[in-house]
Amino acid sequence: MDLTTSRIRDWAAGCLTIVLAIGSGLVFGADADVAAALAHPDRPAADTAADATRKPAEILDFAGLQTGMDIFELEAGGGYFTEIISRAVGIDGSVVLHEAPGLMSFVGDRIDLRTANNRLANVRVSLTNFDTLDAADNSMDMVTWIQGPHELGFAPEGVNLGDPTTAFNEIYRILKPGGLYLAIDHIAAKDAGLEAGGTIHRIEESLATQMATDSGLSVVRKSDLLKNSKDPLTAHVYNPSIRGKTSQFVVLYQKPD
């Protein structure tokens, strides 16, 4: 893709975000200053080291993050994106750092460290299964689920993390009319089924989209930002041959007005 084509694409994506916001009645401030959030002096060095592969600036630009937004971050893990979004949406915005109780053994004390001493004052921690989200109806401007929808096929030590259909109905429920849902996950091969989430921690893009659209959401746009044509799509995401280099889908959905 040449520079001119890239600029036209970025301009069109920005215009679409504005149209979506106006059409839905959502009113925000300016584009979120993600660059400033990434450069914040209090940001952990380990987070900065991960930026090259996780591409937070590009991802959040694609999502159309704005100042003043209320964000529900499903399965936030240790809070890598939480910290960026918290500072980017500013004091007029808010972030719910969510994690499923059944996954807390993988998270350890990282949430406590991330939120210690009220260092992210606009962040609230919520621990629930995916099908019982702790937010009011029509209250969120955006829900993000980054490297997570595959967990609907995972039951650590036999612990169920939530019913898939109900989980997506919950995403729909808490989004404001016109609100956005950003989904990113490791891609599984065709016909791998939901069970791939429990075996290799992947999910088919088509299956993730089917569950989202069945709940009433519609696809706004997609991105190849995290695609890797060399990923066989069949290896466990923690396999040394592919860890940190998996091919991932990036899709933005919207709730109707």
Protein backbone atom coordinates (compact mmCIF):
# COMPACT_ATOMS: atom_id res chain seq x y z
CA MET A 1 0.00 0.00 0.00
CA ASP A 2 1.55 3.38 -1.01
CA LEU A 3 1.56 6.46 1.25
CA THR A 4 -1.26 8.23 -0.61
CA THR A 5 -3.56 5.20 -0.37
CA SER A 6 -2.75 4.83 3.33
CA ARG A 7 -3.60 8.49 4.00
CA ILE A 8 -6.89 8.22 2.13
CA ARG A 9 -7.77 5.08 4.13
CA ASP A 10 -6.97 6.79 7.45
CA TRP A 11 -8.95 9.90 6.47
CA ALA A 12 -11.96 7.78 5.48
CA ALA A 13 -11.80 5.82 8.75
CA GLY A 14 -11.75 9.07 10.72
CA CYS A 15 -14.73 10.42 8.81
CA LEU A 16 -16.66 7.19 9.44
CA THR A 17 -16.03 7.48 13.18
CA ILE A 18 -17.40 11.05 13.17
CA VAL A 19 -20.48 9.98 11.20
CA LEU A 20 -21.11 7.08 13.59
CA ALA A 21 -20.88 9.35 16.61
CA ILE A 22 -23.15 12.03 15.16
CA GLY A 23 -25.65 9.52 13.84
CA SER A 24 -25.87 7.72 17.15
CA GLY A 25 -26.25 10.85 19.25
CA LEU A 26 -23.05 10.07 21.17
CA VAL A 27 -21.14 13.20 22.07
CA PHE A 28 -17.47 13.13 23.06
CA GLY A 29 -14.52 15.46 23.19
CA ALA A 30 -11.57 15.40 20.83
CA ASP A 31 -9.73 12.32 19.63
CA ALA A 32 -8.07 10.69 22.62
CA ASP A 33 -4.39 11.61 23.01
CA VAL A 34 -3.07 8.08 22.95
CA ALA A 35 0.46 9.27 22.17
CA ALA A 36 0.58 11.21 25.43
CA ALA A 37 -0.74 8.20 27.34
CA LEU A 38 1.97 6.00 25.84
CA ALA A 39 4.65 8.53 26.77
CA HIS A 40 3.44 9.06 30.35
CA PRO A 41 6.42 9.02 32.73
CA ASP A 42 4.66 6.68 35.18
CA ARG A 43 4.05 4.01 32.56
CA PRO A 44 5.74 0.67 33.33
CA ALA A 45 8.76 -0.15 31.18
CA ALA A 46 7.40 -3.63 30.48
CA ASP A 47 4.32 -2.08 28.89
CA THR A 48 6.42 0.14 26.65
CA ALA A 49 8.44 -2.88 25.55
CA ALA A 50 5.23 -4.60 24.39
CA ASP A 51 4.05 -1.72 22.20
CA ALA A 52 5.85 -2.84 19.06
CA THR A 53 3.83 -6.05 18.83
CA ARG A 54 0.55 -4.91 20.42
CA LYS A 55 0.31 -1.65 18.42
CA PRO A 56 -1.88 0.26 20.90
CA ALA A 57 -1.75 3.59 19.07
CA GLU A 58 -2.95 2.06 15.82
CA ILE A 59 -5.55 -0.15 17.52
CA LEU A 60 -7.16 2.66 19.52
CA ASP A 61 -7.10 4.98 16.50
CA PHE A 62 -8.91 2.27 14.54
CA ALA A 63 -11.47 1.96 17.34
CA GLY A 64 -12.12 5.71 17.33
CA LEU A 65 -11.29 6.29 21.00
CA GLN A 66 -12.37 9.75 22.18
CA THR A 67 -11.87 11.76 25.32
CA GLY A 68 -14.76 11.49 27.76
CA MET A 69 -15.76 7.97 26.74
CA ASP A 70 -16.94 5.37 29.26
CA ILE A 71 -15.16 2.10 28.45
CA PHE A 72 -15.83 -1.44 29.68
CA GLU A 73 -12.66 -3.47 29.19
CA LEU A 74 -13.63 -7.13 29.24
CA GLU A 75 -10.94 -9.48 30.51
CA ALA A 76 -8.39 -6.73 30.97
CA GLY A 77 -5.81 -9.07 32.48
CA GLY A 78 -2.93 -7.14 33.98
CA GLY A 79 -4.21 -3.86 32.58
CA TYR A 80 -1.84 -3.12 29.70
CA PHE A 81 -4.61 -1.45 27.68
CA THR A 82 -6.40 -0.22 30.81
CA GLU A 83 -3.65 2.23 31.67
CA ILE A 84 -3.44 3.60 28.14
CA ILE A 85 -7.22 4.00 27.80
CA SER A 86 -7.59 5.47 31.29
CA ARG A 87 -5.19 8.31 30.53
CA ALA A 88 -6.42 8.76 26.96
CA VAL A 89 -10.13 9.21 27.82
CA GLY A 90 -9.20 11.65 30.58
CA ILE A 91 -10.92 12.75 33.77
CA ASP A 92 -14.30 13.05 32.05
CA GLY A 93 -14.13 9.42 30.93
CA SER A 94 -14.00 6.15 32.83
CA VAL A 95 -12.77 2.57 32.48
CA VAL A 96 -14.09 -0.63 34.01
CA LEU A 97 -11.17 -3.06 34.37
CA HIS A 98 -12.96 -6.40 34.18
CA GLU A 99 -11.66 -9.89 34.80
CA ALA A 100 -13.36 -13.25 35.22
CA PRO A 101 -12.79 -14.76 38.69
CA GLY A 102 -11.85 -18.08 37.11
CA LEU A 103 -8.90 -16.43 35.36
CA MET A 104 -7.48 -14.58 38.34
CA SER A 105 -4.89 -17.27 38.99
CA PHE A 106 -3.32 -16.27 35.66
CA VAL A 107 -3.46 -12.56 36.53
CA GLY A 108 -1.92 -12.77 39.99
CA ASP A 109 -1.33 -9.41 41.66
CA ARG A 110 -1.03 -7.41 38.45
CA ILE A 111 -4.40 -5.68 38.83
CA ASP A 112 -3.55 -4.61 42.37
CA LEU A 113 -0.21 -3.25 41.21
CA ARG A 114 -1.79 -1.48 38.25
CA THR A 115 -4.38 0.33 40.36
CA ALA A 116 -2.36 0.81 43.59
CA ASN A 117 -2.62 4.15 45.41
CA ASN A 118 -5.40 5.31 43.07
CA ARG A 119 -2.83 5.89 40.32
CA LEU A 120 -5.59 5.47 37.71
CA ALA A 121 -8.38 7.41 39.37
CA ASN A 122 -10.99 6.86 36.66
CA VAL A 123 -10.64 3.05 36.72
CA ARG A 124 -13.01 0.69 38.56
CA VAL A 125 -12.20 -3.01 38.98
CA SER A 126 -14.97 -5.56 38.36
CA LEU A 127 -14.70 -9.34 38.83
CA THR A 128 -17.57 -11.25 37.24
CA ASN A 129 -18.13 -13.99 34.70
CA PHE A 130 -18.58 -12.89 31.11
CA ASP A 131 -22.33 -13.42 31.24
CA THR A 132 -23.00 -11.19 34.30
CA LEU A 133 -21.36 -7.86 33.50
CA ASP A 134 -21.30 -5.27 36.27
CA ALA A 135 -22.66 -2.24 34.41
CA ALA A 136 -26.03 -0.59 33.91
CA ASP A 137 -28.11 -0.92 30.76
CA ASN A 138 -27.07 1.47 27.96
CA SER A 139 -24.19 2.91 30.02
CA MET A 140 -21.01 2.28 28.01
CA ASP A 141 -19.69 4.07 24.94
CA MET A 142 -17.38 1.18 24.09
CA VAL A 143 -16.70 -2.38 25.17
CA THR A 144 -13.32 -3.88 24.35
CA TRP A 145 -12.43 -7.57 24.41
CA ILE A 146 -8.78 -7.91 23.49
CA GLN A 147 -7.37 -11.41 23.06
CA GLY A 148 -10.37 -12.74 24.95
CA PRO A 149 -13.48 -14.01 23.12
CA HIS A 150 -11.83 -17.44 22.80
CA GLU A 151 -12.15 -17.81 26.60
CA LEU A 152 -15.80 -18.69 26.06
CA GLY A 153 -14.48 -22.11 25.04
CA PHE A 154 -12.14 -22.36 28.03
CA ALA A 155 -12.99 -23.79 31.45
CA PRO A 156 -9.88 -23.59 33.67
CA GLU A 157 -9.91 -26.52 36.11
CA GLY A 158 -13.52 -27.12 35.08
CA VAL A 159 -14.64 -23.60 36.01
CA ASN A 160 -17.16 -22.17 33.54
CA LEU A 161 -16.50 -18.54 32.61
CA GLY A 162 -19.95 -17.77 31.25
CA ASP A 163 -22.51 -18.81 28.65
CA PRO A 164 -21.45 -17.52 25.18
CA THR A 165 -24.88 -16.35 24.04
CA THR A 166 -25.61 -14.59 27.32
CA ALA A 167 -22.14 -13.02 27.33
CA PHE A 168 -22.75 -11.30 24.01
CA ASN A 169 -26.23 -10.29 25.06
CA GLU A 170 -24.59 -8.65 28.07
CA ILE A 171 -22.21 -6.70 25.82
CA TYR A 172 -25.21 -5.51 23.83
CA ARG A 173 -27.12 -4.64 27.02
CA ILE A 174 -24.47 -2.39 28.56
CA LEU A 175 -23.61 -0.51 25.36
CA LYS A 176 -25.32 2.81 24.75
CA PRO A 177 -27.33 3.01 21.53
CA GLY A 178 -24.72 3.57 18.85
CA GLY A 179 -21.99 2.28 21.18
CA LEU A 180 -19.00 0.34 19.85
CA TYR A 181 -17.55 -3.10 20.56
CA LEU A 182 -13.90 -3.76 19.71
CA ALA A 183 -12.91 -7.43 19.41
CA ILE A 184 -9.36 -8.74 18.96
CA ASP A 185 -8.29 -12.36 19.24
CA HIS A 186 -5.93 -15.08 18.06
CA ILE A 187 -7.31 -16.63 14.87
CA ALA A 188 -8.14 -20.34 14.71
CA ALA A 189 -8.32 -22.38 11.53
CA LYS A 190 -11.64 -22.89 9.77
CA ASP A 191 -14.06 -25.25 11.54
CA ALA A 192 -11.94 -25.32 14.70
CA GLY A 193 -15.07 -24.66 16.75
CA LEU A 194 -15.45 -22.92 20.09
CA GLU A 195 -13.52 -25.72 21.78
CA ALA A 196 -10.32 -24.32 20.22
CA GLY A 197 -10.53 -21.67 22.91
CA GLY A 198 -9.93 -24.32 25.52
CA THR A 199 -7.19 -26.22 23.70
CA ILE A 200 -5.06 -23.70 21.80
CA HIS A 201 -6.59 -20.38 23.00
CA ARG A 202 -7.85 -19.32 19.58
CA ILE A 203 -11.19 -18.65 17.92
CA GLU A 204 -12.37 -18.38 14.33
CA GLU A 205 -13.11 -14.81 13.30
CA SER A 206 -16.35 -15.97 11.68
CA LEU A 207 -17.52 -17.57 14.94
CA ALA A 208 -16.70 -14.47 16.98
CA THR A 209 -18.59 -12.34 14.47
CA GLN A 210 -21.55 -14.71 14.41
CA MET A 211 -21.93 -14.46 18.19
CA ALA A 212 -21.67 -10.67 18.04
CA THR A 213 -24.17 -10.23 15.22
CA ASP A 214 -26.58 -12.75 16.75
CA SER A 215 -26.77 -10.43 19.77
CA GLY A 216 -27.80 -7.52 17.53
CA LEU A 217 -24.44 -5.88 16.85
CA SER A 218 -23.27 -5.11 13.32
CA VAL A 219 -19.79 -4.99 11.81
CA VAL A 220 -18.48 -1.46 11.22
CA ARG A 221 -15.01 -2.19 9.92
CA LYS A 222 -12.07 -4.60 10.11
CA SER A 223 -8.30 -4.22 10.18
CA ASP A 224 -5.32 -6.37 9.21
CA LEU A 225 -3.07 -4.60 11.71
CA LEU A 226 -2.31 -7.79 13.64
CA LYS A 227 -2.50 -10.34 10.84
CA ASN A 228 0.47 -12.68 10.27
CA SER A 229 0.36 -14.82 7.15
CA LYS A 230 3.07 -17.11 8.56
CA ASP A 231 0.90 -18.23 11.48
CA PRO A 232 -0.42 -21.76 10.78
CA LEU A 233 -3.47 -20.98 13.00
CA THR A 234 -3.22 -24.43 14.61
CA ALA A 235 -0.46 -23.99 17.20
CA HIS A 236 -1.13 -23.12 20.82
CA VAL A 237 -0.65 -19.37 21.29
CA TYR A 238 2.02 -20.06 23.93
CA ASN A 239 4.01 -22.32 21.62
CA PRO A 240 7.49 -20.72 21.38
CA SER A 241 7.34 -20.87 17.59
CA ILE A 242 4.43 -18.40 17.45
CA ARG A 243 4.09 -16.76 20.87
CA GLY A 244 3.80 -13.00 20.47
CA LYS A 245 3.42 -13.36 16.70
CA THR A 246 -0.03 -14.94 16.28
CA SER A 247 -2.32 -13.74 13.54
CA GLN A 248 -5.18 -11.82 15.14
CA PHE A 249 -8.43 -10.39 13.84
CA VAL A 250 -9.37 -6.82 14.71
CA VAL A 251 -13.06 -6.01 14.25
CA LEU A 252 -15.21 -3.07 15.33
CA TYR A 253 -18.96 -3.57 15.84
CA GLN A 254 -21.78 -1.20 16.69
CA LYS A 255 -25.07 -1.37 18.58
CA PRO A 256 -27.97 0.18 16.62
CA ASP A 257 -29.25 3.61 17.63
